[in-house]
């Protein structure tokens, strides 16, 4: 669980990020969850966009994805959401959270 201060810090880092995944009509599949998990292992902080044709709510998809991947939902605005999960490997750790 991250604090509100840490969440604000992660939001500021995610502000300049481009979405690395697009979720379409197919919604969340096992393949997408696997790819998201791999991306979180490498980057720790990712932004995802839900296409208009998907007719999904960003907040609910964000919470569902975070629960499935063991990640923290950082932000969900409009059709985009941000996830954070600390990398297991020391060499992939890029984000240092404030205490």
PDB file of N, CA and C in Angstrom:
ATOM      1  N   UNK A   1       0.843  -1.182   0.000  1.00  0.00           N
ATOM      2  CA  UNK A   1       0.000   0.000   0.000  1.00  0.00           C
ATOM      3  C   UNK A   1       0.887   1.244   0.000  1.00  0.00           C
ATOM      4  N   UNK A   2       0.584   2.160  -0.882  1.00  0.00           N
ATOM      5  CA  UNK A   2       1.368   3.382  -0.952  1.00  0.00           C
ATOM      6  C   UNK A   2       0.592   4.530  -0.326  1.00  0.00           C
ATOM      7  N   UNK A   3       1.321   5.505   0.169  1.00  0.00           N
ATOM      8  CA  UNK A   3       0.690   6.648   0.823  1.00  0.00           C
ATOM      9  C   UNK A   3       0.235   7.665  -0.222  1.00  0.00           C
ATOM     10  N   UNK A   4      -0.532   8.646   0.208  1.00  0.00           N
ATOM     11  CA  UNK A   4      -1.009   9.681  -0.717  1.00  0.00           C
ATOM     12  C   UNK A   4       0.155  10.523  -1.241  1.00  0.00           C
ATOM     13  N   UNK A   5       1.176  10.723  -0.402  1.00  0.00           N
ATOM     14  CA  UNK A   5       2.361  11.459  -0.845  1.00  0.00           C
ATOM     15  C   UNK A   5       3.106  10.690  -1.935  1.00  0.00           C
ATOM     16  N   UNK A   6       3.241   9.384  -1.751  1.00  0.00           N
ATOM     17  CA  UNK A   6       3.896   8.553  -2.755  1.00  0.00           C
ATOM     18  C   UNK A   6       3.072   8.504  -4.041  1.00  0.00           C
ATOM     19  N   UNK A   7       1.742   8.434  -3.895  1.00  0.00           N
ATOM     20  CA  UNK A   7       0.858   8.425  -5.058  1.00  0.00           C
ATOM     21  C   UNK A   7       1.000   9.725  -5.850  1.00  0.00           C
ATOM     22  N   UNK A   8       1.089  10.856  -5.156  1.00  0.00           N
ATOM     23  CA  UNK A   8       1.270  12.152  -5.820  1.00  0.00           C
ATOM     24  C   UNK A   8       2.601  12.190  -6.556  1.00  0.00           C
ATOM     25  N   UNK A   9       3.633  11.623  -5.952  1.00  0.00           N
ATOM     26  CA  UNK A   9       4.944  11.571  -6.589  1.00  0.00           C
ATOM     27  C   UNK A   9       4.883  10.722  -7.862  1.00  0.00           C
ATOM     28  N   UNK A  10       4.210   9.575  -7.782  1.00  0.00           N
ATOM     29  CA  UNK A  10       4.082   8.705  -8.947  1.00  0.00           C
ATOM     30  C   UNK A  10       3.260   9.373 -10.054  1.00  0.00           C
ATOM     31  N   UNK A  11       2.222  10.120  -9.666  1.00  0.00           N
ATOM     32  CA  UNK A  11       1.432  10.862 -10.666  1.00  0.00           C
ATOM     33  C   UNK A  11       2.299  11.872 -11.399  1.00  0.00           C
ATOM     34  N   UNK A  12       3.188  12.537 -10.655  1.00  0.00           N
ATOM     35  CA  UNK A  12       4.058  13.527 -11.288  1.00  0.00           C
ATOM     36  C   UNK A  12       5.029  12.851 -12.267  1.00  0.00           C
ATOM     37  N   UNK A  13       5.509  11.663 -11.932  1.00  0.00           N
ATOM     38  CA  UNK A  13       6.390  10.929 -12.835  1.00  0.00           C
ATOM     39  C   UNK A  13       5.637  10.448 -14.079  1.00  0.00           C
ATOM     40  N   UNK A  14       4.394  10.051 -13.887  1.00  0.00           N
ATOM     41  CA  UNK A  14       3.592   9.509 -14.989  1.00  0.00           C
ATOM     42  C   UNK A  14       3.086  10.590 -15.929  1.00  0.00           C
ATOM     43  N   UNK A  15       3.131  11.833 -15.499  1.00  0.00           N
ATOM     44  CA  UNK A  15       2.605  12.932 -16.305  1.00  0.00           C
ATOM     45  C   UNK A  15       3.238  12.981 -17.693  1.00  0.00           C
ATOM     46  N   UNK A  16       4.520  12.731 -17.798  1.00  0.00           N
ATOM     47  CA  UNK A  16       5.203  12.816 -19.081  1.00  0.00           C
ATOM     48  C   UNK A  16       5.228  11.512 -19.859  1.00  0.00           C
ATOM     49  N   UNK A  17       4.673  10.448 -19.304  1.00  0.00           N
ATOM     50  CA  UNK A  17       4.699   9.153 -19.975  1.00  0.00           C
ATOM     51  C   UNK A  17       3.658   9.056 -21.084  1.00  0.00           C
ATOM     52  N   UNK A  18       4.010   8.331 -22.121  1.00  0.00           N
ATOM     53  CA  UNK A  18       3.051   7.993 -23.170  1.00  0.00           C
ATOM     54  C   UNK A  18       2.466   6.622 -22.825  1.00  0.00           C
ATOM     55  N   UNK A  19       1.212   6.366 -23.213  1.00  0.00           N
ATOM     56  CA  UNK A  19       0.636   5.042 -22.952  1.00  0.00           C
ATOM     57  C   UNK A  19       1.424   3.950 -23.668  1.00  0.00           C
ATOM     58  N   UNK A  20       1.721   2.872 -22.949  1.00  0.00           N
ATOM     59  CA  UNK A  20       2.470   1.766 -23.535  1.00  0.00           C
ATOM     60  C   UNK A  20       1.552   0.647 -24.008  1.00  0.00           C
ATOM     61  N   UNK A  21       0.284   0.670 -23.568  1.00  0.00           N
ATOM     62  CA  UNK A  21      -0.685  -0.329 -23.988  1.00  0.00           C
ATOM     63  C   UNK A  21      -1.996   0.333 -24.339  1.00  0.00           C
ATOM     64  N   UNK A  22      -2.682  -0.263 -25.308  1.00  0.00           N
ATOM     65  CA  UNK A  22      -4.022   0.158 -25.682  1.00  0.00           C
ATOM     66  C   UNK A  22      -4.946  -1.024 -25.462  1.00  0.00           C
ATOM     67  N   UNK A  23      -6.035  -0.789 -24.747  1.00  0.00           N
ATOM     68  CA  UNK A  23      -7.017  -1.845 -24.521  1.00  0.00           C
ATOM     69  C   UNK A  23      -8.211  -1.547 -25.411  1.00  0.00           C
ATOM     70  N   UNK A  24      -8.578  -2.518 -26.246  1.00  0.00           N
ATOM     71  CA  UNK A  24      -9.647  -2.330 -27.210  1.00  0.00           C
ATOM     72  C   UNK A  24     -10.906  -3.083 -26.836  1.00  0.00           C
ATOM     73  N   UNK A  25     -11.674  -3.448 -27.869  1.00  0.00           N
ATOM     74  CA  UNK A  25     -12.959  -4.119 -27.673  1.00  0.00           C
ATOM     75  C   UNK A  25     -12.845  -5.432 -26.923  1.00  0.00           C
ATOM     76  N   UNK A  26     -11.704  -6.096 -27.072  1.00  0.00           N
ATOM     77  CA  UNK A  26     -11.518  -7.387 -26.423  1.00  0.00           C
ATOM     78  C   UNK A  26     -11.443  -7.303 -24.915  1.00  0.00           C
ATOM     79  N   UNK A  27     -11.231  -6.108 -24.388  1.00  0.00           N
ATOM     80  CA  UNK A  27     -11.132  -5.923 -22.942  1.00  0.00           C
ATOM     81  C   UNK A  27      -9.861  -6.528 -22.387  1.00  0.00           C
ATOM     82  N   UNK A  28      -9.915  -6.904 -21.121  1.00  0.00           N
ATOM     83  CA  UNK A  28      -8.744  -7.509 -20.466  1.00  0.00           C
ATOM     84  C   UNK A  28      -8.718  -9.008 -20.733  1.00  0.00           C
ATOM     85  N   UNK A  29      -7.658  -9.459 -21.380  1.00  0.00           N
ATOM     86  CA  UNK A  29      -7.486 -10.890 -21.607  1.00  0.00           C
ATOM     87  C   UNK A  29      -6.237 -11.338 -20.852  1.00  0.00           C
ATOM     88  N   UNK A  30      -6.037 -12.630 -20.794  1.00  0.00           N
ATOM     89  CA  UNK A  30      -4.853 -13.170 -20.126  1.00  0.00           C
ATOM     90  C   UNK A  30      -3.573 -12.703 -20.818  1.00  0.00           C
ATOM     91  N   UNK A  31      -3.628 -12.580 -22.146  1.00  0.00           N
ATOM     92  CA  UNK A  31      -2.455 -12.134 -22.900  1.00  0.00           C
ATOM     93  C   UNK A  31      -2.085 -10.697 -22.519  1.00  0.00           C
ATOM     94  N   UNK A  32      -3.083  -9.844 -22.426  1.00  0.00           N
ATOM     95  CA  UNK A  32      -2.830  -8.440 -22.074  1.00  0.00           C
ATOM     96  C   UNK A  32      -2.301  -8.349 -20.650  1.00  0.00           C
ATOM     97  N   UNK A  33      -2.878  -9.129 -19.735  1.00  0.00           N
ATOM     98  CA  UNK A  33      -2.411  -9.110 -18.349  1.00  0.00           C
ATOM     99  C   UNK A  33      -0.956  -9.588 -18.253  1.00  0.00           C
ATOM    100  N   UNK A  34      -0.599 -10.585 -19.047  1.00  0.00           N
ATOM    101  CA  UNK A  34       0.781 -11.074 -19.061  1.00  0.00           C
ATOM    102  C   UNK A  34       1.718 -10.005 -19.586  1.00  0.00           C
ATOM    103  N   UNK A  35       1.329  -9.328 -20.656  1.00  0.00           N
ATOM    104  CA  UNK A  35       2.160  -8.272 -21.228  1.00  0.00           C
ATOM    105  C   UNK A  35       2.286  -7.088 -20.269  1.00  0.00           C
ATOM    106  N   UNK A  36       1.188  -6.740 -19.597  1.00  0.00           N
ATOM    107  CA  UNK A  36       1.231  -5.661 -18.611  1.00  0.00           C
ATOM    108  C   UNK A  36       2.163  -6.031 -17.458  1.00  0.00           C
ATOM    109  N   UNK A  37       2.113  -7.269 -17.024  1.00  0.00           N
ATOM    110  CA  UNK A  37       2.977  -7.726 -15.941  1.00  0.00           C
ATOM    111  C   UNK A  37       4.449  -7.644 -16.349  1.00  0.00           C
ATOM    112  N   UNK A  38       4.751  -8.053 -17.575  1.00  0.00           N
ATOM    113  CA  UNK A  38       6.128  -7.966 -18.072  1.00  0.00           C
ATOM    114  C   UNK A  38       6.594  -6.515 -18.148  1.00  0.00           C
ATOM    115  N   UNK A  39       5.707  -5.628 -18.600  1.00  0.00           N
ATOM    116  CA  UNK A  39       6.052  -4.204 -18.695  1.00  0.00           C
ATOM    117  C   UNK A  39       6.291  -3.620 -17.308  1.00  0.00           C
ATOM    118  N   UNK A  40       5.491  -4.012 -16.331  1.00  0.00           N
ATOM    119  CA  UNK A  40       5.683  -3.529 -14.960  1.00  0.00           C
ATOM    120  C   UNK A  40       7.000  -4.035 -14.379  1.00  0.00           C
ATOM    121  N   UNK A  41       7.391  -5.252 -14.736  1.00  0.00           N
ATOM    122  CA  UNK A  41       8.672  -5.777 -14.270  1.00  0.00           C
ATOM    123  C   UNK A  41       9.834  -4.954 -14.802  1.00  0.00           C
ATOM    124  N   UNK A  42       9.706  -4.470 -16.026  1.00  0.00           N
ATOM    125  CA  UNK A  42      10.786  -3.707 -16.652  1.00  0.00           C
ATOM    126  C   UNK A  42      10.756  -2.220 -16.313  1.00  0.00           C
ATOM    127  N   UNK A  43       9.544  -1.641 -16.222  1.00  0.00           N
ATOM    128  CA  UNK A  43       9.430  -0.182 -16.087  1.00  0.00           C
ATOM    129  C   UNK A  43       8.965   0.304 -14.718  1.00  0.00           C
ATOM    130  N   UNK A  44       8.258  -0.512 -13.992  1.00  0.00           N
ATOM    131  CA  UNK A  44       7.661  -0.202 -12.687  1.00  0.00           C
ATOM    132  C   UNK A  44       6.436   0.709 -12.789  1.00  0.00           C
ATOM    133  N   UNK A  45       6.453   1.682 -13.670  1.00  0.00           N
ATOM    134  CA  UNK A  45       5.365   2.647 -13.788  1.00  0.00           C
ATOM    135  C   UNK A  45       4.924   2.689 -15.247  1.00  0.00           C
ATOM    136  N   UNK A  46       3.649   2.342 -15.499  1.00  0.00           N
ATOM    137  CA  UNK A  46       3.165   2.337 -16.878  1.00  0.00           C
ATOM    138  C   UNK A  46       1.826   3.061 -16.988  1.00  0.00           C
ATOM    139  N   UNK A  47       1.596   3.592 -18.178  1.00  0.00           N
ATOM    140  CA  UNK A  47       0.331   4.260 -18.486  1.00  0.00           C
ATOM    141  C   UNK A  47      -0.367   3.433 -19.556  1.00  0.00           C
ATOM    142  N   UNK A  48      -1.681   3.239 -19.389  1.00  0.00           N
ATOM    143  CA  UNK A  48      -2.487   2.435 -20.301  1.00  0.00           C
ATOM    144  C   UNK A  48      -3.663   3.274 -20.782  1.00  0.00           C
ATOM    145  N   UNK A  49      -3.997   3.133 -22.060  1.00  0.00           N
ATOM    146  CA  UNK A  49      -5.135   3.860 -22.618  1.00  0.00           C
ATOM    147  C   UNK A  49      -6.202   2.868 -23.047  1.00  0.00           C
ATOM    148  N   UNK A  50      -7.453   3.211 -22.769  1.00  0.00           N
ATOM    149  CA  UNK A  50      -8.585   2.403 -23.202  1.00  0.00           C
ATOM    150  C   UNK A  50      -9.202   3.107 -24.413  1.00  0.00           C
ATOM    151  N   UNK A  51      -9.305   2.382 -25.503  1.00  0.00           N
ATOM    152  CA  UNK A  51      -9.874   2.960 -26.716  1.00  0.00           C
ATOM    153  C   UNK A  51     -11.366   3.237 -26.540  1.00  0.00           C
ATOM    154  N   UNK A  52     -11.870   4.240 -27.259  1.00  0.00           N
ATOM    155  CA  UNK A  52     -13.284   4.613 -27.155  1.00  0.00           C
ATOM    156  C   UNK A  52     -14.203   3.469 -27.555  1.00  0.00           C
ATOM    157  N   UNK A  53     -13.765   2.644 -28.499  1.00  0.00           N
ATOM    158  CA  UNK A  53     -14.595   1.532 -28.969  1.00  0.00           C
ATOM    159  C   UNK A  53     -14.759   0.442 -27.919  1.00  0.00           C
ATOM    160  N   UNK A  54     -13.925   0.450 -26.889  1.00  0.00           N
ATOM    161  CA  UNK A  54     -13.971  -0.600 -25.869  1.00  0.00           C
ATOM    162  C   UNK A  54     -15.178  -0.440 -24.937  1.00  0.00           C
ATOM    163  N   UNK A  55     -15.664   0.774 -24.766  1.00  0.00           N
ATOM    164  CA  UNK A  55     -16.798   1.050 -23.886  1.00  0.00           C
ATOM    165  C   UNK A  55     -16.570   0.534 -22.467  1.00  0.00           C
ATOM    166  N   UNK A  56     -15.354   0.707 -21.970  1.00  0.00           N
ATOM    167  CA  UNK A  56     -14.996   0.301 -20.610  1.00  0.00           C
ATOM    168  C   UNK A  56     -14.709   1.533 -19.767  1.00  0.00           C
ATOM    169  N   UNK A  57     -14.918   1.408 -18.464  1.00  0.00           N
ATOM    170  CA  UNK A  57     -14.626   2.485 -17.532  1.00  0.00           C
ATOM    171  C   UNK A  57     -13.179   2.358 -17.060  1.00  0.00           C
ATOM    172  N   UNK A  58     -12.406   3.435 -17.199  1.00  0.00           N
ATOM    173  CA  UNK A  58     -10.983   3.397 -16.863  1.00  0.00           C
ATOM    174  C   UNK A  58     -10.747   3.057 -15.398  1.00  0.00           C
ATOM    175  N   UNK A  59     -11.548   3.607 -14.516  1.00  0.00           N
ATOM    176  CA  UNK A  59     -11.337   3.377 -13.080  1.00  0.00           C
ATOM    177  C   UNK A  59     -11.551   1.912 -12.705  1.00  0.00           C
ATOM    178  N   UNK A  60     -12.615   1.311 -13.217  1.00  0.00           N
ATOM    179  CA  UNK A  60     -12.884  -0.089 -12.886  1.00  0.00           C
ATOM    180  C   UNK A  60     -11.847  -1.020 -13.513  1.00  0.00           C
ATOM    181  N   UNK A  61     -11.434  -0.731 -14.749  1.00  0.00           N
ATOM    182  CA  UNK A  61     -10.407  -1.553 -15.398  1.00  0.00           C
ATOM    183  C   UNK A  61      -9.077  -1.394 -14.665  1.00  0.00           C
ATOM    184  N   UNK A  62      -8.774  -0.189 -14.219  1.00  0.00           N
ATOM    185  CA  UNK A  62      -7.543   0.071 -13.468  1.00  0.00           C
ATOM    186  C   UNK A  62      -7.520  -0.757 -12.187  1.00  0.00           C
ATOM    187  N   UNK A  63      -8.605  -0.717 -11.426  1.00  0.00           N
ATOM    188  CA  UNK A  63      -8.674  -1.472 -10.168  1.00  0.00           C
ATOM    189  C   UNK A  63      -8.623  -2.979 -10.406  1.00  0.00           C
ATOM    190  N   UNK A  64      -9.305  -3.440 -11.446  1.00  0.00           N
ATOM    191  CA  UNK A  64      -9.316  -4.865 -11.770  1.00  0.00           C
ATOM    192  C   UNK A  64      -7.928  -5.340 -12.197  1.00  0.00           C
ATOM    193  N   UNK A  65      -7.265  -4.548 -13.013  1.00  0.00           N
ATOM    194  CA  UNK A  65      -5.924  -4.889 -13.483  1.00  0.00           C
ATOM    195  C   UNK A  65      -4.928  -4.887 -12.325  1.00  0.00           C
ATOM    196  N   UNK A  66      -5.011  -3.867 -11.484  1.00  0.00           N
ATOM    197  CA  UNK A  66      -4.104  -3.772 -10.333  1.00  0.00           C
ATOM    198  C   UNK A  66      -4.268  -4.979  -9.411  1.00  0.00           C
ATOM    199  N   UNK A  67      -5.502  -5.390  -9.169  1.00  0.00           N
ATOM    200  CA  UNK A  67      -5.748  -6.539  -8.306  1.00  0.00           C
ATOM    201  C   UNK A  67      -5.194  -7.823  -8.931  1.00  0.00           C
ATOM    202  N   UNK A  68      -5.354  -7.971 -10.237  1.00  0.00           N
ATOM    203  CA  UNK A  68      -4.889  -9.179 -10.920  1.00  0.00           C
ATOM    204  C   UNK A  68      -3.366  -9.259 -10.967  1.00  0.00           C
ATOM    205  N   UNK A  69      -2.699  -8.103 -11.026  1.00  0.00           N
ATOM    206  CA  UNK A  69      -1.246  -8.083 -11.176  1.00  0.00           C
ATOM    207  C   UNK A  69      -0.488  -7.814  -9.880  1.00  0.00           C
ATOM    208  N   UNK A  70      -1.193  -7.540  -8.807  1.00  0.00           N
ATOM    209  CA  UNK A  70      -0.521  -7.204  -7.558  1.00  0.00           C
ATOM    210  C   UNK A  70       0.150  -5.847  -7.629  1.00  0.00           C
ATOM    211  N   UNK A  71      -0.457  -4.941  -8.374  1.00  0.00           N
ATOM    212  CA  UNK A  71       0.099  -3.596  -8.568  1.00  0.00           C
ATOM    213  C   UNK A  71      -0.741  -2.577  -7.810  1.00  0.00           C
ATOM    214  N   UNK A  72      -0.248  -1.352  -7.780  1.00  0.00           N
ATOM    215  CA  UNK A  72      -0.960  -0.250  -7.136  1.00  0.00           C
ATOM    216  C   UNK A  72      -1.582   0.640  -8.202  1.00  0.00           C
ATOM    217  N   UNK A  73      -2.898   0.904  -8.115  1.00  0.00           N
ATOM    218  CA  UNK A  73      -3.498   1.875  -9.019  1.00  0.00           C
ATOM    219  C   UNK A  73      -3.065   3.276  -8.597  1.00  0.00           C
ATOM    220  N   UNK A  74      -2.495   4.026  -9.516  1.00  0.00           N
ATOM    221  CA  UNK A  74      -1.989   5.351  -9.199  1.00  0.00           C
ATOM    222  C   UNK A  74      -3.007   6.412  -9.559  1.00  0.00           C
ATOM    223  N   UNK A  75      -3.554   6.321 -10.778  1.00  0.00           N
ATOM    224  CA  UNK A  75      -4.433   7.377 -11.271  1.00  0.00           C
ATOM    225  C   UNK A  75      -5.289   6.825 -12.403  1.00  0.00           C
ATOM    226  N   UNK A  76      -6.529   7.265 -12.478  1.00  0.00           N
ATOM    227  CA  UNK A  76      -7.412   6.928 -13.594  1.00  0.00           C
ATOM    228  C   UNK A  76      -8.180   8.186 -13.972  1.00  0.00           C
ATOM    229  N   UNK A  77      -7.859   8.727 -15.138  1.00  0.00           N
ATOM    230  CA  UNK A  77      -8.515   9.940 -15.617  1.00  0.00           C
ATOM    231  C   UNK A  77      -8.945   9.719 -17.053  1.00  0.00           C
ATOM    232  N   UNK A  78     -10.200  10.006 -17.339  1.00  0.00           N
ATOM    233  CA  UNK A  78     -10.707   9.861 -18.698  1.00  0.00           C
ATOM    234  C   UNK A  78     -10.574   8.432 -19.176  1.00  0.00           C
ATOM    235  N   UNK A  79      -9.816   8.233 -20.247  1.00  0.00           N
ATOM    236  CA  UNK A  79      -9.632   6.895 -20.805  1.00  0.00           C
ATOM    237  C   UNK A  79      -8.248   6.330 -20.508  1.00  0.00           C
ATOM    238  N   UNK A  80      -7.506   6.973 -19.616  1.00  0.00           N
ATOM    239  CA  UNK A  80      -6.148   6.514 -19.295  1.00  0.00           C
ATOM    240  C   UNK A  80      -6.030   6.189 -17.815  1.00  0.00           C
ATOM    241  N   UNK A  81      -5.149   5.242 -17.515  1.00  0.00           N
ATOM    242  CA  UNK A  81      -4.847   4.950 -16.120  1.00  0.00           C
ATOM    243  C   UNK A  81      -3.378   4.577 -15.971  1.00  0.00           C
ATOM    244  N   UNK A  82      -2.886   4.722 -14.738  1.00  0.00           N
ATOM    245  CA  UNK A  82      -1.475   4.496 -14.431  1.00  0.00           C
ATOM    246  C   UNK A  82      -1.369   3.438 -13.335  1.00  0.00           C
ATOM    247  N   UNK A  83      -0.428   2.505 -13.526  1.00  0.00           N
ATOM    248  CA  UNK A  83      -0.172   1.447 -12.548  1.00  0.00           C
ATOM    249  C   UNK A  83       1.285   1.488 -12.108  1.00  0.00           C
ATOM    250  N   UNK A  84       1.514   1.084 -10.852  1.00  0.00           N
ATOM    251  CA  UNK A  84       2.870   0.991 -10.316  1.00  0.00           C
ATOM    252  C   UNK A  84       3.022  -0.338  -9.601  1.00  0.00           C
ATOM    253  N   UNK A  85       4.154  -0.993  -9.861  1.00  0.00           N
ATOM    254  CA  UNK A  85       4.541  -2.176  -9.100  1.00  0.00           C
ATOM    255  C   UNK A  85       6.059  -2.196  -9.025  1.00  0.00           C
ATOM    256  N   UNK A  86       6.573  -2.320  -7.814  1.00  0.00           N
ATOM    257  CA  UNK A  86       8.025  -2.341  -7.625  1.00  0.00           C
ATOM    258  C   UNK A  86       8.615  -3.573  -8.305  1.00  0.00           C
ATOM    259  N   UNK A  87       9.688  -3.368  -9.054  1.00  0.00           N
ATOM    260  CA  UNK A  87      10.342  -4.461  -9.769  1.00  0.00           C
ATOM    261  C   UNK A  87      11.013  -5.412  -8.783  1.00  0.00           C
ATOM    262  N   UNK A  88      10.941  -6.699  -9.088  1.00  0.00           N
ATOM    263  CA  UNK A  88      11.566  -7.690  -8.226  1.00  0.00           C
ATOM    264  C   UNK A  88      13.081  -7.665  -8.353  1.00  0.00           C
ATOM    265  N   UNK A  89      13.567  -7.478  -9.570  1.00  0.00           N
ATOM    266  CA  UNK A  89      15.013  -7.455  -9.799  1.00  0.00           C
ATOM    267  C   UNK A  89      15.576  -6.078  -9.491  1.00  0.00           C
ATOM    268  N   UNK A  90      16.676  -6.075  -8.779  1.00  0.00           N
ATOM    269  CA  UNK A  90      17.326  -4.824  -8.361  1.00  0.00           C
ATOM    270  C   UNK A  90      17.713  -3.957  -9.557  1.00  0.00           C
ATOM    271  N   UNK A  91      18.171  -4.575 -10.638  1.00  0.00           N
ATOM    272  CA  UNK A  91      18.634  -3.811 -11.804  1.00  0.00           C
ATOM    273  C   UNK A  91      17.497  -3.085 -12.524  1.00  0.00           C
ATOM    274  N   UNK A  92      16.253  -3.532 -12.354  1.00  0.00           N
ATOM    275  CA  UNK A  92      15.109  -2.908 -13.017  1.00  0.00           C
ATOM    276  C   UNK A  92      14.438  -1.822 -12.173  1.00  0.00           C
ATOM    277  N   UNK A  93      14.914  -1.608 -10.960  1.00  0.00           N
ATOM    278  CA  UNK A  93      14.294  -0.604 -10.090  1.00  0.00           C
ATOM    279  C   UNK A  93      14.740   0.785 -10.499  1.00  0.00           C
ATOM    280  N   UNK A  94      13.781   1.587 -10.934  1.00  0.00           N
ATOM    281  CA  UNK A  94      14.070   2.937 -11.416  1.00  0.00           C
ATOM    282  C   UNK A  94      13.410   4.000 -10.555  1.00  0.00           C
ATOM    283  N   UNK A  95      12.326   3.653  -9.881  1.00  0.00           N
ATOM    284  CA  UNK A  95      11.553   4.616  -9.110  1.00  0.00           C
ATOM    285  C   UNK A  95      11.899   4.474  -7.635  1.00  0.00           C
ATOM    286  N   UNK A  96      12.277   5.572  -7.034  1.00  0.00           N
ATOM    287  CA  UNK A  96      12.561   5.610  -5.597  1.00  0.00           C
ATOM    288  C   UNK A  96      11.449   6.421  -4.932  1.00  0.00           C
ATOM    289  N   UNK A  97      10.585   5.732  -4.197  1.00  0.00           N
ATOM    290  CA  UNK A  97       9.447   6.395  -3.560  1.00  0.00           C
ATOM    291  C   UNK A  97       9.894   7.201  -2.351  1.00  0.00           C
ATOM    292  N   UNK A  98       9.290   8.381  -2.141  1.00  0.00           N
ATOM    293  CA  UNK A  98       9.575   9.133  -0.916  1.00  0.00           C
ATOM    294  C   UNK A  98       8.998   8.408   0.289  1.00  0.00           C
ATOM    295  N   UNK A  99       9.591   8.604   1.441  1.00  0.00           N
ATOM    296  CA  UNK A  99       9.149   7.914   2.670  1.00  0.00           C
ATOM    297  C   UNK A  99       7.917   8.548   3.248  1.00  0.00           C
TER     298      UNK A  99
END
